[in-house]
Protein backbone atom coordinates (compact mmCIF):
# COMPACT_ATOMS: atom_id res chain seq x y z
CA UNK A 1 14.23 -2.91 -23.37
CA UNK A 2 11.35 -4.67 -21.66
CA UNK A 3 8.01 -2.86 -21.54
CA UNK A 4 6.02 -3.76 -18.45
CA UNK A 5 2.30 -3.28 -18.16
CA UNK A 6 1.62 -2.47 -14.50
CA UNK A 7 -1.25 -4.34 -12.87
CA UNK A 8 -2.53 -1.91 -10.26
CA UNK A 9 -5.82 -3.80 -9.88
CA UNK A 10 -4.09 -6.70 -8.07
CA UNK A 11 -5.76 -7.42 -4.73
CA UNK A 12 -3.86 -7.53 -1.46
CA UNK A 13 -4.11 -10.81 0.51
CA UNK A 14 -6.45 -9.08 2.98
CA UNK A 15 -7.99 -5.60 3.19
CA UNK A 16 -6.35 -2.87 5.27
CA UNK A 17 -8.59 -0.28 6.91
CA UNK A 18 -7.35 3.25 7.49
CA UNK A 19 -8.60 4.84 10.72
CA UNK A 20 -11.25 7.37 9.68
CA UNK A 21 -10.53 6.61 6.02
CA UNK A 22 -10.77 4.11 3.21
CA UNK A 23 -10.19 0.38 3.08
CA UNK A 24 -7.17 -0.52 0.95
CA UNK A 25 -7.94 -3.63 -1.08
CA UNK A 26 -5.78 -3.26 -4.21
CA UNK A 27 -2.43 -1.83 -5.24
CA UNK A 28 -4.36 1.04 -6.83
CA UNK A 29 -6.08 1.79 -3.50
CA UNK A 30 -2.70 1.77 -1.75
CA UNK A 31 -1.16 4.08 -4.33
CA UNK A 32 -4.12 6.46 -4.16
CA UNK A 33 -3.87 6.61 -0.37
CA UNK A 34 -0.11 7.21 -0.53
CA UNK A 35 -0.72 10.11 -2.94
CA UNK A 36 -3.32 11.58 -0.57
CA UNK A 37 -1.17 11.81 2.57
CA UNK A 38 1.01 14.74 1.56
CA UNK A 39 4.47 15.01 3.10
CA UNK A 40 4.02 11.86 5.21
CA UNK A 41 4.70 9.88 2.01
CA UNK A 42 8.33 10.97 2.32
CA UNK A 43 8.78 8.94 5.52
CA UNK A 44 10.89 5.81 5.16
CA UNK A 45 8.02 3.41 5.87
CA UNK A 46 5.88 4.95 3.12
CA UNK A 47 8.78 5.12 0.67
CA UNK A 48 9.33 1.41 1.21
CA UNK A 49 5.59 0.75 0.74
CA UNK A 50 5.57 2.70 -2.53
CA UNK A 51 8.60 0.80 -3.85
CA UNK A 52 6.96 -2.52 -2.94
CA UNK A 53 3.67 -1.48 -4.61
CA UNK A 54 5.47 -0.55 -7.83
CA UNK A 55 7.42 -3.82 -7.84
CA UNK A 56 4.24 -5.84 -7.27
CA UNK A 57 2.34 -3.95 -9.97
CA UNK A 58 5.17 -4.69 -12.40
CA UNK A 59 5.15 -8.39 -11.47
CA UNK A 60 8.39 -8.42 -9.48
CA UNK A 61 6.99 -8.04 -5.98
CA UNK A 62 5.20 -9.88 -3.22
CA UNK A 63 1.65 -8.78 -2.35
CA UNK A 64 2.02 -10.02 1.23
CA UNK A 65 5.12 -7.84 1.63
CA UNK A 66 3.15 -4.88 0.25
CA UNK A 67 0.32 -5.48 2.73
CA UNK A 68 2.73 -5.81 5.64
CA UNK A 69 4.61 -2.61 4.69
CA UNK A 70 1.41 -0.57 4.28
CA UNK A 71 0.22 -1.84 7.66
CA UNK A 72 3.56 -0.85 9.25
CA UNK A 73 3.41 2.62 7.70
CA UNK A 74 -0.17 3.09 8.91
CA UNK A 75 0.74 1.91 12.42
CA UNK A 76 3.64 4.37 12.57
CA UNK A 77 1.21 7.12 11.49
CA UNK A 78 -1.37 6.03 14.09
CA UNK A 79 -3.80 5.39 11.22
CA UNK A 80 -4.21 1.59 11.31
CA UNK A 81 -7.82 0.56 12.01
CA UNK A 82 -7.41 -2.89 13.48
CA UNK A 83 -11.16 -3.38 13.98
CA UNK A 84 -11.99 -3.03 10.28
CA UNK A 85 -8.90 -4.68 8.78
CA UNK A 86 -8.96 -8.28 7.54
């Protein structure tokens, strides 16, 4: 059995701004936001984002794919702040 130490402090390739909310810079920020959105986290786009965040934190995922999936989920929610995102 392999024990994996998750690295939630990993930075995304560019920050993602939430409309009227925080700027997501790290996997930890993304996970905290996902936990804060209530039932919306059960939508397919957010479930995919959560899976990608976990994989990246455990060293088996792509941070660019995480960023892209979070951005997609935010766009579908109408919460992507394009003006403040990097």
